Amino acid sequence: MEVLTKKIDFKEFQQMEFDDQDPFLYELLNGELVRKNTPSGIHQAIQSELFGRMYIFITQNKLGKIFASPTAVVLSDYDAPQPDLTFLRKENSEKFDPDWGIKGAPDLVVEIISPSSIKRDRFDKKELYERFGVKEY
């Protein structure tokens, strides 16, 4: 017997409410709600260091904007990953949506790989970002 699962779109994802006590983060990949573990301390330290250095460089050179997770990158009606870091060149600033993050392919996404996310980050998300035209991953 085949079991079918209903895919959800980004509008449904936007309307979902999550328990504030829930220790997980969620993103939408291929219409499926994907639960991610809360990042480890080392993950957060790496993210903070990268964000700080990139923020200074990007700001000083007036290159655009950098965002840290959880910022949704809405690539399609069924794909809204939340990369650890996302960069938009100022020429692409129209992709920034003040309510929901970034709509369309950003110029750069960074995923900090954790033991629990190796397959998803190295393969699934890499393919997703390539398919939607993200220039650097």
Protein backbone atom coordinates (compact mmCIF):
# COMPACT_ATOMS: atom_id res chain seq x y z
CA MET A 1 0.00 0.00 0.00
CA GLU A 2 1.34 3.42 -0.96
CA VAL A 3 1.03 6.18 1.61
CA LEU A 4 0.79 9.68 0.20
CA THR A 5 1.81 12.72 2.18
CA LYS A 6 0.40 16.15 1.49
CA LYS A 7 2.97 18.76 0.65
CA ILE A 8 2.52 22.17 2.21
CA ASP A 9 3.33 25.44 0.53
CA PHE A 10 5.03 28.52 1.92
CA LYS A 11 1.74 30.30 2.66
CA GLU A 12 0.66 27.37 4.87
CA PHE A 13 4.12 27.32 6.46
CA GLN A 14 3.83 31.04 7.27
CA GLN A 15 0.57 30.46 9.07
CA MET A 16 1.82 27.61 11.24
CA GLU A 17 2.34 28.29 14.90
CA PHE A 18 5.08 26.51 16.80
CA ASP A 19 5.33 26.04 20.53
CA ASP A 20 7.81 28.53 22.03
CA GLN A 21 9.08 25.71 24.23
CA ASP A 22 9.84 23.51 21.21
CA PRO A 23 13.65 23.15 21.06
CA PHE A 24 13.62 22.62 17.29
CA LEU A 25 13.72 24.92 14.26
CA TYR A 26 11.76 24.19 11.10
CA GLU A 27 12.26 24.86 7.42
CA LEU A 28 10.31 23.95 4.30
CA LEU A 29 12.09 21.68 1.81
CA ASN A 30 10.26 20.20 -1.18
CA GLY A 31 6.93 20.87 0.49
CA GLU A 32 7.91 18.98 3.63
CA LEU A 33 8.31 20.45 7.08
CA VAL A 34 11.87 19.58 8.14
CA ARG A 35 12.76 19.70 11.82
CA LYS A 36 16.29 20.79 12.68
CA ASN A 37 17.98 20.35 16.04
CA THR A 38 18.86 23.43 18.03
CA PRO A 39 22.42 24.34 16.98
CA SER A 40 25.29 23.32 19.23
CA GLY A 41 27.49 25.82 21.01
CA ILE A 42 30.37 25.27 18.58
CA HIS A 43 27.98 25.75 15.65
CA GLN A 44 26.81 29.06 17.11
CA ALA A 45 30.39 30.18 17.82
CA ILE A 46 31.38 29.51 14.20
CA GLN A 47 28.28 31.27 12.90
CA SER A 48 28.87 34.30 15.13
CA GLU A 49 32.51 34.60 14.04
CA LEU A 50 31.67 34.33 10.34
CA PHE A 51 28.74 36.72 10.63
CA GLY A 52 30.81 39.31 12.49
CA ARG A 53 33.68 39.27 10.02
CA MET A 54 31.40 39.27 6.99
CA TYR A 55 29.17 42.00 8.41
CA ILE A 56 32.14 44.33 8.91
CA PHE A 57 33.51 43.70 5.40
CA ILE A 58 30.12 43.98 3.69
CA THR A 59 29.16 47.13 5.60
CA GLN A 60 32.50 48.91 5.16
CA ASN A 61 32.46 48.23 1.43
CA LYS A 62 28.72 48.93 1.01
CA LEU A 63 28.23 45.60 -0.78
CA GLY A 64 24.74 44.67 0.45
CA LYS A 65 23.27 42.87 3.46
CA ILE A 66 24.05 39.72 5.39
CA PHE A 67 21.46 37.74 7.35
CA ALA A 68 21.76 35.01 9.98
CA SER A 69 19.35 32.15 10.54
CA PRO A 70 16.53 31.81 11.02
CA THR A 71 15.94 33.91 7.89
CA ALA A 72 13.75 32.18 5.33
CA VAL A 73 15.00 32.06 1.76
CA VAL A 74 11.85 31.50 -0.29
CA LEU A 75 13.01 29.79 -3.47
CA SER A 76 9.62 28.44 -4.56
CA ASP A 77 6.14 27.81 -3.21
CA TYR A 78 7.51 24.60 -1.65
CA ASP A 79 11.07 25.50 -0.71
CA ALA A 80 12.03 27.90 2.08
CA PRO A 81 15.30 26.82 3.68
CA GLN A 82 16.90 28.80 6.48
CA PRO A 83 20.65 28.89 5.79
CA ASP A 84 23.03 29.76 8.61
CA LEU A 85 24.18 32.86 6.71
CA THR A 86 22.76 34.54 3.62
CA PHE A 87 24.21 37.42 1.60
CA LEU A 88 22.37 39.69 -0.82
CA ARG A 89 24.33 42.12 -2.98
CA LYS A 90 22.89 45.62 -2.97
CA GLU A 91 21.98 45.13 -6.64
CA ASN A 92 19.59 42.38 -5.50
CA SER A 93 18.09 44.23 -2.54
CA GLU A 94 14.59 43.94 -4.04
CA LYS A 95 14.66 40.27 -3.01
CA PHE A 96 14.55 41.29 0.65
CA ASP A 97 11.07 41.01 2.11
CA PRO A 98 10.90 42.73 5.53
CA ASP A 99 8.15 40.36 6.66
CA TRP A 100 9.49 36.98 5.55
CA GLY A 101 13.14 37.19 4.63
CA ILE A 102 14.44 36.71 1.12
CA LYS A 103 12.33 35.88 -1.91
CA GLY A 104 14.44 34.43 -4.69
CA ALA A 105 18.00 33.18 -4.95
CA PRO A 106 20.48 35.10 -2.78
CA ASP A 107 24.06 35.65 -3.92
CA LEU A 108 25.60 33.47 -1.20
CA VAL A 109 24.37 30.97 1.36
CA VAL A 110 26.44 29.35 4.09
CA GLU A 111 25.45 26.14 5.86
CA ILE A 112 27.58 25.15 8.82
CA ILE A 113 27.64 21.39 8.67
CA SER A 114 26.87 19.47 11.84
CA PRO A 115 27.02 15.69 12.30
CA SER A 116 23.22 15.54 12.18
CA SER A 117 22.98 17.63 8.99
CA ILE A 118 25.73 16.22 6.73
CA LYS A 119 23.45 14.54 4.17
CA ARG A 120 20.90 17.34 4.07
CA ASP A 121 23.49 20.15 3.83
CA ARG A 122 26.08 18.55 1.53
CA PHE A 123 23.67 16.98 -0.92
CA ASP A 124 20.00 17.92 -0.59
CA LYS A 125 20.44 21.64 0.05
CA LYS A 126 23.39 21.94 -2.32
CA GLU A 127 21.21 20.54 -5.13
CA LEU A 128 18.32 22.80 -4.10
CA TYR A 129 20.49 25.93 -4.11
CA GLU A 130 22.02 25.02 -7.47
CA ARG A 131 18.59 24.35 -9.00
CA PHE A 132 17.33 27.79 -8.01
CA GLY A 133 20.45 29.69 -9.10
CA VAL A 134 22.24 30.53 -5.85
CA LYS A 135 25.64 31.71 -7.08
CA GLU A 136 27.81 30.61 -4.13
CA TYR A 137 27.30 27.89 -1.54
